[in-house]
N, C-alpha and C. Protein backbone atom coordinates (compact mmCIF):
# COMPACT_ATOMS: atom_id res chain seq x y z
N MET A 1 28.55 3.36 -1.23
CA MET A 1 29.20 2.33 -1.80
C MET A 1 30.18 2.87 -3.02
N THR A 2 31.40 2.46 -2.93
CA THR A 2 32.27 2.94 -4.32
C THR A 2 31.78 2.69 -5.55
N LYS A 3 31.62 3.36 -6.58
CA LYS A 3 31.42 2.95 -7.94
C LYS A 3 32.36 2.49 -8.39
N MET A 4 32.39 1.44 -9.20
CA MET A 4 33.30 1.00 -10.07
C MET A 4 33.33 1.77 -11.53
N ILE A 5 34.72 2.27 -11.82
CA ILE A 5 34.86 2.99 -13.00
C ILE A 5 35.04 2.15 -14.41
N PHE A 6 34.19 2.14 -15.19
CA PHE A 6 34.60 1.12 -16.33
C PHE A 6 35.26 2.20 -17.24
N THR A 7 36.28 1.50 -17.84
CA THR A 7 37.02 2.21 -18.83
C THR A 7 36.17 2.42 -20.08
N THR A 8 36.27 3.27 -20.94
CA THR A 8 35.89 3.54 -22.07
C THR A 8 35.45 2.35 -23.07
N VAL A 9 36.40 1.55 -23.38
CA VAL A 9 36.20 0.22 -23.99
C VAL A 9 35.32 -0.66 -23.24
N GLN A 10 35.42 -0.74 -21.91
CA GLN A 10 34.45 -1.83 -21.46
C GLN A 10 32.73 -1.00 -21.30
N THR A 11 32.87 0.02 -21.40
CA THR A 11 31.46 0.77 -21.69
C THR A 11 30.89 0.66 -23.04
N GLU A 12 31.84 0.95 -23.83
CA GLU A 12 31.44 0.58 -25.24
C GLU A 12 31.01 -0.84 -25.60
N THR A 13 31.82 -1.77 -25.24
CA THR A 13 31.60 -3.18 -25.29
C THR A 13 30.32 -3.42 -24.54
N PHE A 14 30.08 -2.90 -23.39
CA PHE A 14 28.74 -3.23 -22.81
C PHE A 14 27.58 -2.74 -23.43
N PHE A 15 27.33 -1.58 -23.97
CA PHE A 15 26.50 -1.11 -24.52
C PHE A 15 26.26 -1.50 -26.10
N GLN A 16 27.30 -1.83 -26.73
CA GLN A 16 27.17 -1.74 -28.21
C GLN A 16 27.53 -3.32 -28.89
N LYS A 17 28.48 -4.22 -27.97
CA LYS A 17 28.85 -5.48 -28.43
C LYS A 17 27.49 -6.38 -28.61
N ALA A 18 27.58 -7.02 -29.76
CA ALA A 18 26.46 -8.06 -30.17
C ALA A 18 25.94 -8.94 -28.93
N THR A 19 26.91 -9.40 -28.37
CA THR A 19 26.80 -10.65 -27.38
C THR A 19 26.29 -9.55 -25.91
N GLN A 20 26.44 -8.53 -25.92
CA GLN A 20 26.15 -7.85 -24.76
C GLN A 20 24.73 -6.86 -24.86
N MET A 21 24.57 -5.71 -25.07
CA MET A 21 23.35 -5.12 -24.95
C MET A 21 22.72 -5.22 -26.74
N ALA A 22 23.96 -4.90 -27.50
CA ALA A 22 23.47 -4.76 -28.93
C ALA A 22 22.80 -3.50 -29.41
N ILE A 23 23.11 -2.62 -28.81
CA ILE A 23 22.49 -1.25 -28.98
C ILE A 23 23.39 -0.33 -30.37
N PRO A 24 22.85 -0.02 -31.29
CA PRO A 24 23.52 0.71 -32.24
C PRO A 24 24.10 2.00 -31.68
N SER A 25 25.39 2.25 -32.08
CA SER A 25 26.13 3.52 -31.64
C SER A 25 25.23 4.78 -31.57
N ILE A 26 24.27 5.03 -32.61
CA ILE A 26 23.47 6.24 -32.66
C ILE A 26 22.35 6.33 -31.70
N ILE A 27 21.86 4.96 -31.05
CA ILE A 27 20.85 5.00 -30.09
C ILE A 27 21.79 5.12 -28.70
N VAL A 28 22.95 4.57 -28.54
CA VAL A 28 24.07 4.70 -27.46
C VAL A 28 24.02 6.43 -27.27
N THR A 29 24.23 7.07 -28.36
CA THR A 29 24.45 8.39 -28.16
C THR A 29 22.98 9.24 -27.70
N GLN A 30 21.94 8.59 -27.99
CA GLN A 30 20.71 9.40 -27.65
C GLN A 30 20.65 9.05 -26.01
N ILE A 31 21.03 7.56 -25.72
CA ILE A 31 20.57 7.46 -24.20
C ILE A 31 21.64 8.16 -23.61
N ALA A 32 22.68 8.53 -23.88
CA ALA A 32 23.67 9.36 -23.07
C ALA A 32 23.02 10.58 -22.86
N ILE A 33 22.60 11.41 -23.79
CA ILE A 33 21.79 12.62 -23.64
C ILE A 33 20.53 12.53 -22.85
N GLU A 34 19.91 11.15 -22.83
CA GLU A 34 18.87 11.23 -21.53
C GLU A 34 19.31 10.89 -20.27
N GLY A 35 20.83 10.67 -20.21
CA GLY A 35 21.45 10.44 -18.72
C GLY A 35 21.96 8.95 -18.41
N ILE A 36 21.82 8.15 -19.51
CA ILE A 36 22.72 6.81 -19.38
C ILE A 36 23.73 6.76 -20.13
N ALA A 37 24.93 7.35 -19.66
CA ALA A 37 26.30 7.26 -20.48
C ALA A 37 27.25 6.38 -19.68
N THR A 38 26.91 5.75 -18.71
CA THR A 38 27.78 4.60 -18.14
C THR A 38 26.97 3.59 -17.81
N VAL A 39 27.64 2.56 -17.32
CA VAL A 39 26.74 1.45 -16.74
C VAL A 39 26.02 1.57 -15.35
N ASN A 40 26.76 2.70 -14.38
CA ASN A 40 26.45 2.94 -13.34
C ASN A 40 25.35 3.75 -13.33
N ASN A 41 25.01 4.51 -14.36
CA ASN A 41 23.90 5.26 -14.50
C ASN A 41 22.48 4.51 -14.60
N LEU A 42 22.65 3.44 -14.85
CA LEU A 42 21.26 2.57 -14.78
C LEU A 42 20.87 2.47 -13.71
N GLU A 43 21.51 2.60 -12.50
CA GLU A 43 21.00 2.63 -10.91
C GLU A 43 20.04 3.60 -10.90
N ASP A 44 19.97 4.75 -11.73
CA ASP A 44 19.07 6.11 -11.43
C ASP A 44 17.82 5.80 -12.18
N PHE A 45 17.80 4.72 -12.98
CA PHE A 45 16.55 4.35 -13.82
C PHE A 45 15.71 3.37 -13.53
N GLY A 46 14.43 3.69 -13.11
CA GLY A 46 13.49 2.93 -12.99
C GLY A 46 12.66 2.34 -14.25
N LYS A 47 11.85 1.54 -14.03
CA LYS A 47 10.90 0.93 -15.38
C LYS A 47 10.40 2.07 -16.04
N ASP A 48 9.81 3.18 -15.47
CA ASP A 48 8.89 4.35 -15.91
C ASP A 48 9.90 5.00 -16.68
N GLU A 49 11.24 5.50 -16.13
CA GLU A 49 12.19 6.15 -16.75
C GLU A 49 12.72 5.35 -18.04
N LEU A 50 12.89 4.36 -17.95
CA LEU A 50 13.42 3.31 -18.99
C LEU A 50 12.33 3.54 -20.12
N ASP A 51 11.05 3.25 -19.78
CA ASP A 51 9.99 3.42 -20.70
C ASP A 51 9.98 4.61 -21.71
N GLN A 52 10.06 5.78 -20.65
CA GLN A 52 10.30 7.10 -21.43
C GLN A 52 11.26 7.38 -22.39
N VAL A 53 12.47 6.59 -21.93
CA VAL A 53 13.76 6.71 -22.76
C VAL A 53 13.18 6.33 -23.86
N VAL A 54 12.94 4.99 -23.98
CA VAL A 54 12.14 4.31 -25.27
C VAL A 54 11.46 5.11 -26.02
N SER A 55 10.54 5.67 -25.46
CA SER A 55 9.48 6.56 -26.04
C SER A 55 10.06 7.52 -26.75
N ASN A 56 11.01 8.27 -25.69
CA ASN A 56 11.63 9.31 -26.66
C ASN A 56 12.15 9.00 -27.90
N LEU A 57 13.21 7.93 -27.86
CA LEU A 57 13.76 7.38 -29.07
C LEU A 57 12.92 6.98 -30.48
N GLN A 58 11.87 6.63 -29.88
CA GLN A 58 10.64 6.21 -30.98
C GLN A 58 9.81 7.34 -31.65
N HIS A 59 9.74 8.31 -30.68
CA HIS A 59 8.83 9.64 -30.94
C HIS A 59 9.65 11.11 -30.54
N PRO A 60 10.83 11.17 -31.25
CA PRO A 60 11.64 12.35 -31.15
C PRO A 60 11.03 13.63 -31.16
N PRO A 61 11.07 14.65 -30.19
CA PRO A 61 10.24 15.90 -30.48
C PRO A 61 11.14 16.80 -32.04
N GLY A 62 10.53 17.45 -32.57
CA GLY A 62 11.08 18.48 -33.47
C GLY A 62 11.12 17.85 -34.69
N GLY A 63 10.48 16.79 -35.12
CA GLY A 63 10.65 16.33 -36.52
C GLY A 63 11.97 15.41 -36.94
N VAL A 64 12.63 15.02 -35.83
CA VAL A 64 14.00 14.34 -35.75
C VAL A 64 13.55 12.92 -36.16
N VAL A 65 13.97 12.21 -36.90
CA VAL A 65 13.97 10.88 -37.23
C VAL A 65 13.79 9.79 -36.24
N ALA A 66 12.90 9.01 -36.21
CA ALA A 66 12.63 8.11 -34.92
C ALA A 66 13.76 7.18 -35.21
N LEU A 67 14.17 6.66 -33.95
CA LEU A 67 15.08 5.65 -33.87
C LEU A 67 14.31 4.28 -33.20
N THR A 68 15.10 3.13 -34.00
CA THR A 68 14.39 1.88 -33.60
C THR A 68 15.27 1.17 -32.38
N PHE A 69 14.89 1.08 -31.33
CA PHE A 69 15.66 0.36 -30.28
C PHE A 69 15.08 -1.07 -30.17
N GLY A 70 15.82 -2.11 -30.69
CA GLY A 70 15.43 -3.39 -30.79
C GLY A 70 14.76 -3.98 -29.75
N ALA A 71 13.66 -4.98 -29.83
CA ALA A 71 13.60 -5.49 -28.56
C ALA A 71 14.50 -6.42 -27.74
N LYS A 72 15.16 -7.02 -28.60
CA LYS A 72 16.52 -7.77 -27.59
C LYS A 72 17.15 -6.87 -27.06
N SER A 73 17.60 -5.69 -27.70
CA SER A 73 18.41 -4.54 -26.76
C SER A 73 17.79 -4.15 -25.60
N GLN A 74 16.25 -3.77 -25.71
CA GLN A 74 15.56 -3.48 -24.55
C GLN A 74 15.28 -4.20 -23.71
N LYS A 75 15.14 -5.69 -23.95
CA LYS A 75 15.27 -6.64 -22.68
C LYS A 75 16.27 -6.61 -22.03
N ARG A 76 17.43 -6.72 -22.94
CA ARG A 76 18.64 -6.73 -21.87
C ARG A 76 19.18 -5.51 -21.21
N PHE A 77 18.35 -4.28 -21.70
CA PHE A 77 18.64 -3.12 -21.06
C PHE A 77 17.93 -3.08 -19.84
N PHE A 78 16.87 -3.71 -19.79
CA PHE A 78 15.86 -3.93 -18.50
C PHE A 78 16.47 -4.77 -17.58
N VAL A 79 16.98 -5.85 -17.92
CA VAL A 79 17.45 -6.76 -17.24
C VAL A 79 19.05 -6.21 -16.52
N ALA A 80 19.56 -5.44 -17.49
CA ALA A 80 21.07 -4.96 -16.74
C ALA A 80 20.53 -3.79 -15.62
N THR A 81 19.64 -3.09 -15.91
CA THR A 81 19.22 -2.16 -14.90
C THR A 81 18.98 -2.84 -13.54
N LYS A 82 18.15 -3.93 -13.75
CA LYS A 82 17.68 -4.49 -12.53
C LYS A 82 18.94 -5.02 -11.76
N LEU A 83 19.95 -5.59 -12.51
CA LEU A 83 21.09 -6.11 -12.09
C LEU A 83 21.95 -5.41 -11.34
N VAL A 84 21.80 -4.15 -11.96
CA VAL A 84 22.93 -2.96 -11.34
C VAL A 84 22.42 -2.72 -10.17
N LYS A 85 21.06 -2.20 -10.16
CA LYS A 85 20.52 -2.07 -8.78
C LYS A 85 20.66 -3.03 -7.68
N TYR A 86 20.48 -4.38 -8.04
CA TYR A 86 20.66 -5.48 -7.26
C TYR A 86 21.90 -5.58 -6.62
N ASN A 87 22.83 -5.29 -7.30
CA ASN A 87 24.36 -5.33 -7.00
C ASN A 87 24.79 -4.21 -6.07
N ASP A 88 23.96 -3.34 -6.31
CA ASP A 88 24.30 -1.96 -5.31
C ASP A 88 23.48 -2.27 -4.04
N MET A 89 22.45 -2.86 -4.21
CA MET A 89 21.69 -3.11 -2.88
C MET A 89 22.22 -4.21 -2.18
N VAL A 90 22.71 -5.11 -2.91
CA VAL A 90 23.64 -6.23 -1.75
C VAL A 90 24.97 -5.68 -1.62
N ARG A 91 25.34 -4.44 -1.93
CA ARG A 91 26.81 -4.11 -1.75
C ARG A 91 27.75 -4.76 -2.58
N ARG A 92 27.17 -5.32 -3.72
CA ARG A 92 28.45 -5.86 -4.58
C ARG A 92 29.20 -4.54 -5.53
N ARG A 93 30.38 -4.70 -5.71
CA ARG A 93 30.70 -4.00 -6.49
C ARG A 93 30.52 -4.05 -8.11
N GLN A 94 30.24 -2.90 -8.98
CA GLN A 94 30.00 -3.38 -10.19
C GLN A 94 31.31 -3.48 -10.96
N ILE A 95 31.40 -4.71 -11.43
CA ILE A 95 32.73 -5.13 -12.35
C ILE A 95 32.38 -5.47 -13.53
N ALA A 96 33.28 -5.54 -14.67
CA ALA A 96 33.08 -5.73 -15.90
C ALA A 96 32.42 -7.30 -16.08
N GLY A 97 33.12 -8.04 -15.17
CA GLY A 97 32.93 -9.53 -15.19
C GLY A 97 31.37 -9.88 -14.88
N ASN A 98 30.63 -9.09 -13.96
CA ASN A 98 29.40 -9.11 -13.66
C ASN A 98 28.22 -8.52 -14.71
N ILE A 99 28.76 -7.96 -15.63
CA ILE A 99 27.58 -7.33 -16.59
C ILE A 99 27.95 -8.22 -17.96
N GLN A 100 28.00 -9.36 -18.02
CA GLN A 100 28.19 -10.08 -19.13
C GLN A 100 26.94 -10.80 -19.27
N TRP A 101 26.31 -10.78 -20.54
CA TRP A 101 24.84 -11.16 -20.78
C TRP A 101 24.96 -12.60 -20.79
N ASN A 102 25.70 -13.37 -21.49
CA ASN A 102 25.71 -15.01 -21.51
C ASN A 102 25.97 -15.34 -20.31
N SER A 103 26.94 -14.88 -19.56
CA SER A 103 27.25 -15.70 -18.22
C SER A 103 26.85 -14.95 -17.02
N VAL A 104 26.00 -13.94 -17.16
CA VAL A 104 25.59 -13.58 -15.74
C VAL A 104 23.95 -13.00 -15.97
N MET A 105 24.01 -12.14 -16.82
CA MET A 105 22.77 -11.26 -16.92
C MET A 105 21.64 -11.97 -17.45
N CYS A 106 21.99 -13.14 -18.35
CA CYS A 106 20.38 -14.03 -18.53
C CYS A 106 20.14 -14.76 -17.42
N ASP A 107 21.06 -15.31 -16.72
CA ASP A 107 20.51 -16.07 -15.62
C ASP A 107 19.72 -15.25 -14.62
N PHE A 108 20.67 -14.03 -14.45
CA PHE A 108 19.98 -13.28 -13.41
C PHE A 108 18.73 -12.94 -13.80
N GLY A 109 18.41 -12.50 -15.03
CA GLY A 109 16.97 -11.98 -15.44
C GLY A 109 16.05 -13.10 -15.44
N GLU A 110 16.37 -14.51 -15.41
CA GLU A 110 15.45 -15.69 -15.45
C GLU A 110 15.10 -15.60 -13.83
N GLN A 111 16.13 -15.58 -12.97
CA GLN A 111 15.86 -15.74 -11.59
C GLN A 111 15.16 -14.57 -11.21
N TRP A 112 15.30 -13.29 -11.62
CA TRP A 112 14.63 -12.21 -10.90
C TRP A 112 13.10 -12.35 -11.44
N LYS A 113 12.95 -12.86 -12.47
CA LYS A 113 11.46 -13.10 -12.90
C LYS A 113 10.65 -14.18 -12.13
N ALA A 114 11.47 -15.17 -11.76
CA ALA A 114 10.88 -16.31 -10.81
C ALA A 114 10.86 -15.68 -9.61
N ARG A 115 11.61 -14.56 -8.86
CA ARG A 115 11.47 -13.97 -7.52
C ARG A 115 10.05 -13.06 -7.86
N GLU A 116 9.90 -12.20 -8.89
CA GLU A 116 8.81 -11.64 -8.99
C GLU A 116 7.39 -12.41 -8.85
N GLU A 117 7.37 -13.43 -9.66
CA GLU A 117 6.28 -14.27 -9.77
C GLU A 117 6.14 -14.99 -8.31
N ARG A 118 7.00 -15.32 -7.63
CA ARG A 118 7.14 -16.04 -6.39
C ARG A 118 6.33 -14.97 -5.30
N LYS A 119 6.82 -13.49 -5.69
CA LYS A 119 6.48 -12.69 -4.75
C LYS A 119 5.14 -12.31 -4.79
N GLU A 120 4.48 -12.52 -6.27
CA GLU A 120 3.07 -12.25 -6.59
C GLU A 120 2.33 -13.24 -5.78
N GLU A 121 2.88 -14.40 -5.71
CA GLU A 121 1.90 -15.83 -5.29
C GLU A 121 1.75 -15.49 -3.73
N GLY A 122 2.63 -14.62 -3.37
CA GLY A 122 2.56 -14.43 -1.72
C GLY A 122 3.30 -15.44 -0.97
N ASN A 123 3.95 -15.13 0.11
CA ASN A 123 4.70 -15.93 0.77
C ASN A 123 4.36 -17.03 1.58
N LEU A 124 4.80 -18.16 1.90
CA LEU A 124 4.19 -18.99 2.58
C LEU A 124 4.05 -18.84 4.28
N GLU A 125 2.94 -19.66 4.87
CA GLU A 125 2.93 -19.28 6.27
C GLU A 125 4.29 -19.78 6.92
N THR A 126 4.86 -19.18 7.81
CA THR A 126 5.99 -19.62 8.63
C THR A 126 5.76 -20.90 9.44
N PRO A 127 6.61 -21.95 9.32
CA PRO A 127 6.23 -23.27 9.91
C PRO A 127 6.40 -22.97 11.44
N LYS A 128 5.32 -23.80 12.13
CA LYS A 128 5.07 -23.76 13.55
C LYS A 128 5.80 -25.06 14.23
N ILE A 129 6.44 -25.27 15.37
CA ILE A 129 6.67 -26.28 15.60
C ILE A 129 5.35 -26.80 16.76
N THR A 130 4.99 -28.07 16.05
CA THR A 130 3.93 -28.77 16.67
C THR A 130 3.99 -30.34 17.18
N LYS A 131 3.29 -31.03 17.37
CA LYS A 131 3.60 -32.33 17.56
C LYS A 131 3.72 -33.01 16.29
N GLU A 132 3.35 -32.74 15.43
CA GLU A 132 3.54 -33.38 14.02
C GLU A 132 4.99 -33.05 13.45
N LEU A 133 5.29 -31.61 13.85
CA LEU A 133 6.78 -31.15 13.42
C LEU A 133 7.26 -30.68 14.49
N PRO A 134 8.14 -31.69 15.03
CA PRO A 134 8.91 -31.48 16.16
C PRO A 134 10.09 -30.46 15.77
N VAL A 135 10.85 -30.10 16.73
CA VAL A 135 12.03 -29.08 16.61
C VAL A 135 12.92 -29.51 15.64
N ILE A 136 13.29 -30.85 15.75
CA ILE A 136 14.28 -31.16 14.61
C ILE A 136 14.00 -31.22 13.42
N LYS A 137 12.70 -31.48 12.82
CA LYS A 137 12.12 -31.41 11.54
C LYS A 137 11.82 -30.01 11.49
N TRP A 138 11.12 -29.13 12.29
CA TRP A 138 11.14 -27.57 12.14
C TRP A 138 12.15 -27.22 11.36
N VAL A 139 13.57 -27.25 12.37
CA VAL A 139 14.60 -26.59 11.66
C VAL A 139 14.48 -26.62 10.28
N GLU A 140 14.69 -27.95 9.71
CA GLU A 140 14.82 -28.14 8.27
C GLU A 140 13.71 -27.42 7.51
N ALA A 141 12.45 -27.32 8.23
CA ALA A 141 11.34 -26.89 7.47
C ALA A 141 11.37 -25.09 7.41
N PHE A 142 11.87 -24.57 8.41
CA PHE A 142 12.18 -23.27 8.55
C PHE A 142 13.41 -22.97 7.58
N GLN A 143 14.38 -23.46 7.52
CA GLN A 143 15.40 -23.33 6.43
C GLN A 143 14.85 -23.31 4.94
N ASP A 144 14.06 -23.92 4.72
CA ASP A 144 13.24 -24.16 3.52
C ASP A 144 12.27 -22.97 3.42
N HIS A 145 11.53 -22.61 4.24
CA HIS A 145 10.82 -21.61 4.21
C HIS A 145 11.67 -20.15 4.08
N ILE A 146 12.85 -20.02 4.78
CA ILE A 146 13.38 -18.68 4.43
C ILE A 146 14.12 -18.37 3.20
N HIS A 147 14.32 -19.71 2.33
CA HIS A 147 15.01 -19.50 1.26
C HIS A 147 13.74 -19.40 0.46
N TYR A 148 12.70 -19.73 0.50
CA TYR A 148 11.43 -19.47 -0.19
C TYR A 148 10.68 -18.16 -0.03
N TYR A 149 11.06 -17.53 1.54
CA TYR A 149 10.27 -16.11 1.68
C TYR A 149 10.98 -15.05 0.89
N ILE A 150 10.24 -14.46 0.16
CA ILE A 150 10.85 -13.23 -0.68
C ILE A 150 10.41 -11.93 -0.03
N GLY A 151 11.28 -10.99 0.56
CA GLY A 151 11.14 -9.93 1.02
C GLY A 151 10.70 -8.49 0.16
N VAL A 152 10.53 -7.63 0.93
CA VAL A 152 10.13 -6.33 0.05
C VAL A 152 10.79 -5.80 -0.89
N CYS A 153 12.12 -6.00 -1.10
CA CYS A 153 13.15 -5.61 -1.99
C CYS A 153 13.31 -6.78 -2.96
N PHE A 154 12.67 -7.75 -2.85
CA PHE A 154 12.80 -9.22 -3.71
C PHE A 154 13.99 -9.80 -3.41
N ILE A 155 14.41 -9.85 -2.16
CA ILE A 155 15.64 -10.43 -1.59
C ILE A 155 15.10 -11.70 -0.68
N PRO A 156 15.50 -13.07 -0.82
CA PRO A 156 15.00 -13.90 0.06
C PRO A 156 15.66 -13.56 1.63
N LEU A 157 14.45 -14.06 2.51
CA LEU A 157 15.03 -13.77 3.75
C LEU A 157 16.39 -14.58 4.08
N ALA A 158 16.55 -15.59 3.28
CA ALA A 158 17.86 -16.27 3.66
C ALA A 158 19.02 -15.58 3.42
N TYR A 159 18.91 -14.53 2.61
CA TYR A 159 20.21 -13.80 2.20
C TYR A 159 20.11 -12.66 3.35
N VAL A 160 19.36 -12.48 3.97
CA VAL A 160 19.43 -11.48 5.13
C VAL A 160 19.71 -11.88 6.14
N VAL A 161 19.63 -13.20 6.55
CA VAL A 161 20.04 -13.78 7.91
C VAL A 161 21.26 -14.82 7.58
N ARG A 162 21.93 -14.82 6.40
CA ARG A 162 23.03 -15.59 6.19
C ARG A 162 23.98 -15.52 7.23
N SER A 163 24.76 -16.58 7.48
CA SER A 163 26.09 -16.73 8.20
C SER A 163 27.31 -15.57 7.84
N ASP A 164 27.45 -15.77 6.52
CA ASP A 164 28.43 -15.32 5.72
C ASP A 164 28.06 -13.66 5.38
N THR A 165 28.86 -12.89 5.99
CA THR A 165 28.33 -11.62 5.91
C THR A 165 28.85 -10.76 4.69
N ALA A 166 30.10 -11.39 4.25
CA ALA A 166 30.97 -10.90 3.09
C ALA A 166 30.13 -11.31 1.77
N VAL A 167 30.02 -10.24 0.89
CA VAL A 167 29.49 -10.44 -0.54
C VAL A 167 30.47 -10.57 -1.43
N SER A 168 30.29 -11.75 -2.29
CA SER A 168 31.31 -12.12 -3.18
C SER A 168 31.36 -10.95 -4.48
N THR A 169 32.35 -10.64 -4.70
CA THR A 169 32.67 -9.66 -5.92
C THR A 169 32.08 -10.08 -7.00
N LEU A 170 32.51 -11.24 -7.58
CA LEU A 170 32.23 -11.78 -8.83
C LEU A 170 30.93 -12.64 -8.73
N ILE A 171 29.90 -12.58 -9.52
CA ILE A 171 28.55 -13.16 -9.65
C ILE A 171 28.88 -14.53 -10.36
N THR A 172 28.59 -15.55 -9.92
CA THR A 172 28.59 -17.05 -10.18
C THR A 172 27.35 -17.65 -10.24
N PRO A 173 27.17 -18.52 -11.18
CA PRO A 173 25.85 -19.22 -11.02
C PRO A 173 25.79 -19.73 -9.39
N GLN A 174 26.37 -20.11 -8.67
CA GLN A 174 26.47 -20.70 -7.69
C GLN A 174 26.11 -19.76 -6.51
N ASN A 175 26.40 -18.45 -6.59
CA ASN A 175 26.39 -17.69 -5.44
C ASN A 175 24.92 -16.92 -5.81
N LEU A 176 24.62 -16.83 -7.25
CA LEU A 176 23.07 -16.10 -7.56
C LEU A 176 22.25 -17.19 -7.04
N ASP A 177 22.21 -18.63 -7.10
CA ASP A 177 21.63 -19.49 -6.55
C ASP A 177 21.31 -19.16 -5.24
N ARG A 178 22.58 -19.14 -4.35
CA ARG A 178 22.49 -19.14 -3.02
C ARG A 178 21.72 -17.88 -2.38
N GLU A 179 22.00 -16.60 -3.46
CA GLU A 179 21.46 -15.42 -2.74
C GLU A 179 19.88 -15.49 -3.16
N ALA A 180 19.81 -16.38 -4.27
CA ALA A 180 18.17 -16.05 -4.98
C ALA A 180 17.11 -16.95 -4.53
N LEU A 181 17.50 -18.27 -5.08
CA LEU A 181 16.32 -19.03 -5.25
C LEU A 181 16.63 -20.34 -4.32
């Protein structure tokens, strides 16, 4: 998939603006040394790697002064990483409008957490056609089931079998709901 190239201003805004990641510039410089210099670099980092980056900032080698990577920034950083990976998985281009904390990432983080919890609970058994659940009612029950069923990659089965194969470029609460929960 073609990666979106963010301008320098968009990248700085994403990492440093108070309404975005709110990461101080000195930490942005250090995470760039760790390999996260652009929004698209987040795709290459899992939870273990991000934990290591945070640890490296807090316990730098050679007597260098430790840096404080604030809890709010870390939370947003982890959510942004999941969103970037999700967008790539569903083949959605990374655009500046899709990495806004207040309008996109915050909602995505809540929905992703709900998916993880639902996945942990286990998926419900697929409804079967019975005397008590005739075909007409079964169709409705099955549609509910595929929206509830979370697959291996934390994607609802309804997203996989959707009739519209086009992935919207811009994330909105409506298409997040349709894709997610």
